[in-house]
Protein backbone atom coordinates (compact mmCIF):
# COMPACT_ATOMS: atom_id res chain seq x y z
CA UNK A 1 138.54 155.72 96.00
CA UNK A 2 138.26 152.25 94.49
CA UNK A 3 139.87 150.80 97.61
CA UNK A 4 136.94 152.06 99.66
CA UNK A 5 134.47 150.74 97.08
CA UNK A 6 136.13 147.32 97.19
CA UNK A 7 136.07 147.34 100.98
CA UNK A 8 132.34 148.05 101.07
CA UNK A 9 131.66 145.45 98.37
CA UNK A 10 133.49 142.90 100.52
CA UNK A 11 131.55 143.98 103.64
CA UNK A 12 128.27 143.80 101.69
CA UNK A 13 129.04 140.28 100.44
CA UNK A 14 129.73 139.17 104.02
CA UNK A 15 126.49 140.79 105.20
CA UNK A 16 124.42 139.16 102.44
CA UNK A 17 126.03 135.77 103.19
CA UNK A 18 125.05 136.14 106.85
CA UNK A 19 121.47 136.99 105.89
CA UNK A 20 121.21 134.11 103.42
CA UNK A 21 122.69 131.65 105.91
CA UNK A 22 119.62 132.16 108.09
CA UNK A 23 116.93 132.75 105.47
CA UNK A 24 117.93 130.88 102.33
CA UNK A 25 120.49 128.07 102.80
CA UNK A 26 120.56 127.01 99.10
CA UNK A 27 121.36 130.59 97.99
CA UNK A 28 123.87 130.85 100.82
CA UNK A 29 125.71 127.74 99.57
CA UNK A 30 125.62 129.00 96.00
CA UNK A 31 126.99 132.44 96.89
CA UNK A 32 129.56 130.97 99.29
CA UNK A 33 130.94 128.81 96.48
CA UNK A 34 130.82 131.72 94.02
CA UNK A 35 132.79 133.92 96.43
CA UNK A 36 135.38 131.14 96.92
CA UNK A 37 136.08 131.14 93.16
CA UNK A 38 135.47 134.83 92.37
CA UNK A 39 137.16 136.77 95.16
CA UNK A 40 135.36 140.08 95.86
CA UNK A 41 138.69 141.98 96.00
CA UNK A 42 137.76 143.97 92.89
CA UNK A 43 134.20 145.06 93.63
CA UNK A 44 133.23 146.03 90.11
CA UNK A 45 134.53 142.88 88.43
CA UNK A 46 133.00 140.74 91.17
CA UNK A 47 129.56 142.34 90.85
CA UNK A 48 129.68 142.14 87.06
CA UNK A 49 130.44 138.41 87.24
CA UNK A 50 127.79 137.85 89.93
CA UNK A 51 125.21 139.77 87.88
CA UNK A 52 125.73 137.42 84.92
CA UNK A 53 125.08 134.39 87.14
CA UNK A 54 122.49 135.61 89.66
CA UNK A 55 121.27 139.16 89.01
CA UNK A 56 119.07 139.26 92.14
CA UNK A 57 122.06 138.49 94.37
CA UNK A 58 124.19 141.11 92.63
CA UNK A 59 121.47 143.71 93.21
CA UNK A 60 121.17 142.65 96.82
CA UNK A 61 124.92 143.07 97.33
CA UNK A 62 124.80 146.48 95.61
CA UNK A 63 121.91 147.71 97.77
CA UNK A 64 123.62 146.39 100.91
CA UNK A 65 126.88 148.09 99.90
CA UNK A 66 125.13 151.42 99.54
CA UNK A 67 123.34 150.99 102.86
CA UNK A 68 126.57 150.12 104.72
CA UNK A 69 128.32 153.10 103.16
CA UNK A 70 125.43 155.37 104.17
CA UNK A 71 125.69 154.27 107.79
CA UNK A 72 129.46 154.70 107.74
CA UNK A 73 129.23 158.22 106.29
CA UNK A 74 126.71 159.24 108.94
CA UNK A 75 129.05 158.01 111.67
CA UNK A 76 131.99 159.88 110.19
CA UNK A 77 130.11 163.11 109.67
CA UNK A 78 128.56 162.74 113.09
CA UNK A 79 131.99 162.51 114.69
CA UNK A 80 133.26 165.47 112.70
CA UNK A 81 130.22 167.56 113.56
CA UNK A 82 130.51 166.59 117.23
CA UNK A 83 134.13 167.76 117.18
CA UNK A 84 133.20 171.03 115.48
CA UNK A 85 130.43 171.79 117.99
CA UNK A 86 132.64 170.78 120.89
CA UNK A 87 135.48 173.02 119.71
CA UNK A 88 133.12 175.94 119.17
CA UNK A 89 131.66 175.47 122.65
CA UNK A 90 135.12 175.54 124.15
CA UNK A 91 136.01 178.63 122.15
CA UNK A 92 132.85 180.46 123.26
CA UNK A 93 133.38 179.50 126.89
CA UNK A 94 137.00 180.65 126.70
CA UNK A 95 135.94 184.00 125.22
CA UNK A 96 133.30 184.44 127.89
CA UNK A 97 135.79 183.58 130.61
CA UNK A 98 138.26 186.15 129.27
CA UNK A 99 135.51 188.79 129.30
CA UNK A 100 134.28 188.09 132.82
CA UNK A 101 137.49 187.31 134.66
CA UNK A 102 138.83 190.11 136.85
CA UNK A 103 142.57 190.19 136.48
CA UNK A 104 144.44 191.05 139.68
CA UNK A 105 145.91 194.52 139.31
CA UNK A 106 148.02 196.85 141.37
CA UNK A 107 145.50 198.94 143.39
CA UNK A 108 147.29 202.18 142.53
CA UNK A 109 146.75 201.58 138.80
CA UNK A 110 142.99 200.86 139.03
CA UNK A 111 141.91 204.39 137.97
CA UNK A 112 144.30 204.50 135.02
CA UNK A 113 143.10 201.12 133.66
CA UNK A 114 139.39 201.73 134.11
């Protein structure tokens, strides 16, 4: 959804700002001011505008956005897979328990059941 795209664009802009703050103060100041005027609420419009001004920063935000999304997807899938495996383990253990448990029976009925 576009909401998700916008969220990851926003996260990517914040990440790039953090990186620039430490490595490239002039670019940090430039991007900080750009973000103040052009809010990254609409990711596509924001990146289009940024690309016209500073293409290398736009590309950096785009690459960062993809990377953040990739990490997020892995976490989500990981959790889902963990749940699937966990549920299957429980199911298998339950089946095994049902097979091995000896239900208490009336002694007189033992021959008829067996």
